Amino acid sequence: MRFAFTEAQEKFRQEVHAFFEQEVTPELVEAWATQADHCPELYAKMAERGWLGVQWPKEYG
C-alpha cells in the first residue's frame, strides 16, 4: 500500500504551501484570532486559483 502523494498532489501541496507562506502574515493571523472573521482579499485570491468549492473534471460539467 502506497501512502505517498502522487506527483500532481505533491505539486499542488507545494503550491498551496508557497501561497500561504507568502499571503498569510502574522498580522492576518492575529486578526483572525481576535476578530473571528475571514479576509475577503485572501479568499478572492484563493478563488482565482480555483481552490474554493468542489472541483471535478470539466468533462463532467
PDB file of N, CA and C in Angstrom:
ATOM      1  N   MET A   1       0.841  -1.166   0.000  1.00  0.00           N
ATOM      2  CA  MET A   1       0.000   0.000   0.000  1.00  0.00           C
ATOM      3  C   MET A   1       0.894   1.240   0.000  1.00  0.00           C
ATOM      4  N   ARG A   2       0.568   2.188  -0.872  1.00  0.00           N
ATOM      5  CA  ARG A   2       1.385   3.399  -1.014  1.00  0.00           C
ATOM      6  C   ARG A   2       0.632   4.590  -0.426  1.00  0.00           C
ATOM      7  N   PHE A   3       1.246   5.249   0.535  1.00  0.00           N
ATOM      8  CA  PHE A   3       0.610   6.376   1.198  1.00  0.00           C
ATOM      9  C   PHE A   3       1.198   7.724   0.789  1.00  0.00           C
ATOM     10  N   ALA A   4       2.137   7.736  -0.116  1.00  0.00           N
ATOM     11  CA  ALA A   4       2.760   8.985  -0.552  1.00  0.00           C
ATOM     12  C   ALA A   4       1.833   9.726  -1.515  1.00  0.00           C
ATOM     13  N   PHE A   5       2.054  11.036  -1.624  1.00  0.00           N
ATOM     14  CA  PHE A   5       1.300  11.828  -2.585  1.00  0.00           C
ATOM     15  C   PHE A   5       1.708  11.455  -4.000  1.00  0.00           C
ATOM     16  N   THR A   6       0.777  11.591  -4.941  1.00  0.00           N
ATOM     17  CA  THR A   6       1.130  11.456  -6.347  1.00  0.00           C
ATOM     18  C   THR A   6       1.936  12.695  -6.736  1.00  0.00           C
ATOM     19  N   GLU A   7       2.513  12.681  -7.916  1.00  0.00           N
ATOM     20  CA  GLU A   7       3.284  13.835  -8.371  1.00  0.00           C
ATOM     21  C   GLU A   7       2.393  15.081  -8.449  1.00  0.00           C
ATOM     22  N   ALA A   8       1.186  14.934  -8.957  1.00  0.00           N
ATOM     23  CA  ALA A   8       0.255  16.066  -9.060  1.00  0.00           C
ATOM     24  C   ALA A   8      -0.155  16.573  -7.681  1.00  0.00           C
ATOM     25  N   GLN A   9      -0.399  15.664  -6.760  1.00  0.00           N
ATOM     26  CA  GLN A   9      -0.775  16.064  -5.403  1.00  0.00           C
ATOM     27  C   GLN A   9       0.368  16.798  -4.713  1.00  0.00           C
ATOM     28  N   GLU A  10       1.576  16.324  -4.899  1.00  0.00           N
ATOM     29  CA  GLU A  10       2.740  16.970  -4.286  1.00  0.00           C
ATOM     30  C   GLU A  10       2.944  18.368  -4.866  1.00  0.00           C
ATOM     31  N   LYS A  11       2.766  18.505  -6.170  1.00  0.00           N
ATOM     32  CA  LYS A  11       2.891  19.819  -6.806  1.00  0.00           C
ATOM     33  C   LYS A  11       1.844  20.777  -6.233  1.00  0.00           C
ATOM     34  N   PHE A  12       0.604  20.304  -6.086  1.00  0.00           N
ATOM     35  CA  PHE A  12      -0.461  21.129  -5.519  1.00  0.00           C
ATOM     36  C   PHE A  12      -0.145  21.489  -4.070  1.00  0.00           C
ATOM     37  N   ARG A  13       0.332  20.535  -3.298  1.00  0.00           N
ATOM     38  CA  ARG A  13       0.680  20.782  -1.900  1.00  0.00           C
ATOM     39  C   ARG A  13       1.732  21.881  -1.798  1.00  0.00           C
ATOM     40  N   GLN A  14       2.743  21.815  -2.649  1.00  0.00           N
ATOM     41  CA  GLN A  14       3.799  22.820  -2.641  1.00  0.00           C
ATOM     42  C   GLN A  14       3.267  24.191  -3.058  1.00  0.00           C
ATOM     43  N   GLU A  15       2.365  24.198  -4.042  1.00  0.00           N
ATOM     44  CA  GLU A  15       1.761  25.449  -4.499  1.00  0.00           C
ATOM     45  C   GLU A  15       0.958  26.113  -3.373  1.00  0.00           C
ATOM     46  N   VAL A  16       0.153  25.331  -2.681  1.00  0.00           N
ATOM     47  CA  VAL A  16      -0.657  25.860  -1.580  1.00  0.00           C
ATOM     48  C   VAL A  16       0.246  26.347  -0.448  1.00  0.00           C
ATOM     49  N   HIS A  17       1.259  25.577  -0.133  1.00  0.00           N
ATOM     50  CA  HIS A  17       2.189  25.968   0.932  1.00  0.00           C
ATOM     51  C   HIS A  17       2.861  27.301   0.593  1.00  0.00           C
ATOM     52  N   ALA A  18       3.362  27.429  -0.624  1.00  0.00           N
ATOM     53  CA  ALA A  18       4.035  28.664  -1.037  1.00  0.00           C
ATOM     54  C   ALA A  18       3.065  29.849  -1.004  1.00  0.00           C
ATOM     55  N   PHE A  19       1.840  29.625  -1.441  1.00  0.00           N
ATOM     56  CA  PHE A  19       0.826  30.679  -1.420  1.00  0.00           C
ATOM     57  C   PHE A  19       0.609  31.189  -0.002  1.00  0.00           C
ATOM     58  N   PHE A  20       0.397  30.274   0.944  1.00  0.00           N
ATOM     59  CA  PHE A  20       0.123  30.694   2.314  1.00  0.00           C
ATOM     60  C   PHE A  20       1.354  31.276   2.994  1.00  0.00           C
ATOM     61  N   GLU A  21       2.525  30.795   2.657  1.00  0.00           N
ATOM     62  CA  GLU A  21       3.754  31.392   3.195  1.00  0.00           C
ATOM     63  C   GLU A  21       3.856  32.850   2.770  1.00  0.00           C
ATOM     64  N   GLN A  22       3.453  33.141   1.543  1.00  0.00           N
ATOM     65  CA  GLN A  22       3.552  34.496   1.008  1.00  0.00           C
ATOM     66  C   GLN A  22       2.394  35.384   1.467  1.00  0.00           C
ATOM     67  N   GLU A  23       1.192  34.854   1.488  1.00  0.00           N
ATOM     68  CA  GLU A  23       0.000  35.674   1.699  1.00  0.00           C
ATOM     69  C   GLU A  23      -0.431  35.830   3.156  1.00  0.00           C
ATOM     70  N   VAL A  24      -0.159  34.851   3.991  1.00  0.00           N
ATOM     71  CA  VAL A  24      -0.645  34.908   5.372  1.00  0.00           C
ATOM     72  C   VAL A  24       0.448  35.485   6.265  1.00  0.00           C
ATOM     73  N   THR A  25       0.228  36.708   6.663  1.00  0.00           N
ATOM     74  CA  THR A  25       1.189  37.419   7.507  1.00  0.00           C
ATOM     75  C   THR A  25       0.837  37.221   8.982  1.00  0.00           C
ATOM     76  N   PRO A  26       1.774  37.488   9.874  1.00  0.00           N
ATOM     77  CA  PRO A  26       1.451  37.420  11.307  1.00  0.00           C
ATOM     78  C   PRO A  26       0.286  38.343  11.678  1.00  0.00           C
ATOM     79  N   GLU A  27       0.192  39.491  11.023  1.00  0.00           N
ATOM     80  CA  GLU A  27      -0.907  40.416  11.286  1.00  0.00           C
ATOM     81  C   GLU A  27      -2.254  39.809  10.899  1.00  0.00           C
ATOM     82  N   LEU A  28      -2.279  39.091   9.796  1.00  0.00           N
ATOM     83  CA  LEU A  28      -3.512  38.440   9.356  1.00  0.00           C
ATOM     84  C   LEU A  28      -3.913  37.338  10.330  1.00  0.00           C
ATOM     85  N   VAL A  29      -2.949  36.575  10.795  1.00  0.00           N
ATOM     86  CA  VAL A  29      -3.228  35.522  11.779  1.00  0.00           C
ATOM     87  C   VAL A  29      -3.784  36.140  13.058  1.00  0.00           C
ATOM     88  N   GLU A  30      -3.199  37.235  13.495  1.00  0.00           N
ATOM     89  CA  GLU A  30      -3.680  37.921  14.697  1.00  0.00           C
ATOM     90  C   GLU A  30      -5.107  38.436  14.501  1.00  0.00           C
ATOM     91  N   ALA A  31      -5.382  38.982  13.333  1.00  0.00           N
ATOM     92  CA  ALA A  31      -6.736  39.471  13.053  1.00  0.00           C
ATOM     93  C   ALA A  31      -7.739  38.326  13.093  1.00  0.00           C
ATOM     94  N   TRP A  32      -7.383  37.183  12.524  1.00  0.00           N
ATOM     95  CA  TRP A  32      -8.279  36.019  12.567  1.00  0.00           C
ATOM     96  C   TRP A  32      -8.525  35.590  14.005  1.00  0.00           C
ATOM     97  N   ALA A  33      -7.482  35.606  14.802  1.00  0.00           N
ATOM     98  CA  ALA A  33      -7.593  35.138  16.183  1.00  0.00           C
ATOM     99  C   ALA A  33      -8.454  36.068  17.036  1.00  0.00           C
ATOM    100  N   THR A  34      -8.396  37.356  16.761  1.00  0.00           N
ATOM    101  CA  THR A  34      -9.120  38.309  17.605  1.00  0.00           C
ATOM    102  C   THR A  34     -10.488  38.697  17.059  1.00  0.00           C
ATOM    103  N   GLN A  35     -10.672  38.610  15.754  1.00  0.00           N
ATOM    104  CA  GLN A  35     -11.928  39.052  15.156  1.00  0.00           C
ATOM    105  C   GLN A  35     -12.832  37.904  14.730  1.00  0.00           C
ATOM    106  N   ALA A  36     -12.296  36.704  14.691  1.00  0.00           N
ATOM    107  CA  ALA A  36     -13.061  35.535  14.240  1.00  0.00           C
ATOM    108  C   ALA A  36     -13.750  35.823  12.909  1.00  0.00           C
ATOM    109  N   ASP A  37     -13.027  36.419  11.990  1.00  0.00           N
ATOM    110  CA  ASP A  37     -13.567  36.783  10.691  1.00  0.00           C
ATOM    111  C   ASP A  37     -12.625  36.275   9.608  1.00  0.00           C
ATOM    112  N   HIS A  38     -13.054  36.373   8.384  1.00  0.00           N
ATOM    113  CA  HIS A  38     -12.191  35.958   7.280  1.00  0.00           C
ATOM    114  C   HIS A  38     -11.679  37.190   6.541  1.00  0.00           C
ATOM    115  N   CYS A  39     -10.710  36.975   5.696  1.00  0.00           N
ATOM    116  CA  CYS A  39     -10.101  38.046   4.919  1.00  0.00           C
ATOM    117  C   CYS A  39     -10.621  37.947   3.482  1.00  0.00           C
ATOM    118  N   PRO A  40     -11.494  38.862   3.060  1.00  0.00           N
ATOM    119  CA  PRO A  40     -12.056  38.781   1.710  1.00  0.00           C
ATOM    120  C   PRO A  40     -10.990  38.786   0.614  1.00  0.00           C
ATOM    121  N   GLU A  41      -9.916  39.534   0.817  1.00  0.00           N
ATOM    122  CA  GLU A  41      -8.860  39.595  -0.195  1.00  0.00           C
ATOM    123  C   GLU A  41      -8.175  38.239  -0.359  1.00  0.00           C
ATOM    124  N   LEU A  42      -7.920  37.573   0.764  1.00  0.00           N
ATOM    125  CA  LEU A  42      -7.283  36.262   0.712  1.00  0.00           C
ATOM    126  C   LEU A  42      -8.211  35.252   0.042  1.00  0.00           C
ATOM    127  N   TYR A  43      -9.491  35.272   0.404  1.00  0.00           N
ATOM    128  CA  TYR A  43     -10.456  34.364  -0.206  1.00  0.00           C
ATOM    129  C   TYR A  43     -10.574  34.625  -1.706  1.00  0.00           C
ATOM    130  N   ALA A  44     -10.508  35.886  -2.126  1.00  0.00           N
ATOM    131  CA  ALA A  44     -10.574  36.214  -3.549  1.00  0.00           C
ATOM    132  C   ALA A  44      -9.377  35.625  -4.294  1.00  0.00           C
ATOM    133  N   LYS A  45      -8.197  35.711  -3.694  1.00  0.00           N
ATOM    134  CA  LYS A  45      -7.001  35.141  -4.321  1.00  0.00           C
ATOM    135  C   LYS A  45      -7.098  33.620  -4.412  1.00  0.00           C
ATOM    136  N   MET A  46      -7.674  33.001  -3.372  1.00  0.00           N
ATOM    137  CA  MET A  46      -7.862  31.548  -3.398  1.00  0.00           C
ATOM    138  C   MET A  46      -8.887  31.170  -4.470  1.00  0.00           C
ATOM    139  N   ALA A  47      -9.941  31.966  -4.602  1.00  0.00           N
ATOM    140  CA  ALA A  47     -10.964  31.705  -5.617  1.00  0.00           C
ATOM    141  C   ALA A  47     -10.385  31.833  -7.020  1.00  0.00           C
ATOM    142  N   GLU A  48      -9.503  32.807  -7.237  1.00  0.00           N
ATOM    143  CA  GLU A  48      -8.848  32.978  -8.534  1.00  0.00           C
ATOM    144  C   GLU A  48      -8.096  31.717  -8.940  1.00  0.00           C
ATOM    145  N   ARG A  49      -7.587  31.006  -7.971  1.00  0.00           N
ATOM    146  CA  ARG A  49      -6.831  29.779  -8.228  1.00  0.00           C
ATOM    147  C   ARG A  49      -7.731  28.545  -8.295  1.00  0.00           C
ATOM    148  N   GLY A  50      -9.017  28.734  -8.057  1.00  0.00           N
ATOM    149  CA  GLY A  50      -9.954  27.617  -8.112  1.00  0.00           C
ATOM    150  C   GLY A  50      -9.915  26.729  -6.887  1.00  0.00           C
ATOM    151  N   TRP A  51      -9.491  27.276  -5.759  1.00  0.00           N
ATOM    152  CA  TRP A  51      -9.326  26.473  -4.547  1.00  0.00           C
ATOM    153  C   TRP A  51     -10.557  26.443  -3.659  1.00  0.00           C
ATOM    154  N   LEU A  52     -11.601  27.169  -4.002  1.00  0.00           N
ATOM    155  CA  LEU A  52     -12.807  27.189  -3.174  1.00  0.00           C
ATOM    156  C   LEU A  52     -13.899  26.376  -3.858  1.00  0.00           C
ATOM    157  N   GLY A  53     -14.610  25.594  -3.097  1.00  0.00           N
ATOM    158  CA  GLY A  53     -15.709  24.803  -3.642  1.00  0.00           C
ATOM    159  C   GLY A  53     -15.263  23.443  -4.122  1.00  0.00           C
ATOM    160  N   VAL A  54     -16.229  22.678  -4.538  1.00  0.00           N
ATOM    161  CA  VAL A  54     -15.988  21.319  -5.010  1.00  0.00           C
ATOM    162  C   VAL A  54     -15.450  21.365  -6.435  1.00  0.00           C
ATOM    163  N   GLN A  55     -14.456  20.565  -6.711  1.00  0.00           N
ATOM    164  CA  GLN A  55     -13.854  20.510  -8.042  1.00  0.00           C
ATOM    165  C   GLN A  55     -14.076  19.134  -8.657  1.00  0.00           C
ATOM    166  N   TRP A  56     -14.337  19.093  -9.966  1.00  0.00           N
ATOM    167  CA  TRP A  56     -14.394  17.834 -10.691  1.00  0.00           C
ATOM    168  C   TRP A  56     -13.982  18.112 -12.124  1.00  0.00           C
ATOM    169  N   PRO A  57     -13.634  17.076 -12.875  1.00  0.00           N
ATOM    170  CA  PRO A  57     -13.163  17.269 -14.248  1.00  0.00           C
ATOM    171  C   PRO A  57     -14.199  17.985 -15.116  1.00  0.00           C
ATOM    172  N   LYS A  58     -13.725  18.837 -16.030  1.00  0.00           N
ATOM    173  CA  LYS A  58     -14.615  19.614 -16.895  1.00  0.00           C
ATOM    174  C   LYS A  58     -15.510  18.734 -17.753  1.00  0.00           C
ATOM    175  N   GLU A  59     -15.044  17.540 -18.111  1.00  0.00           N
ATOM    176  CA  GLU A  59     -15.868  16.671 -18.960  1.00  0.00           C
ATOM    177  C   GLU A  59     -17.152  16.219 -18.269  1.00  0.00           C
ATOM    178  N   TYR A  60     -17.216  16.395 -16.953  1.00  0.00           N
ATOM    179  CA  TYR A  60     -18.424  16.035 -16.208  1.00  0.00           C
ATOM    180  C   TYR A  60     -19.294  17.254 -15.905  1.00  0.00           C
ATOM    181  N   GLY A  61     -18.944  18.380 -16.447  1.00  0.00           N
ATOM    182  CA  GLY A  61     -19.767  19.585 -16.263  1.00  0.00           C
ATOM    183  C   GLY A  61     -19.078  20.547 -15.437  1.00  0.00           C
TER     184      GLY A  61
END
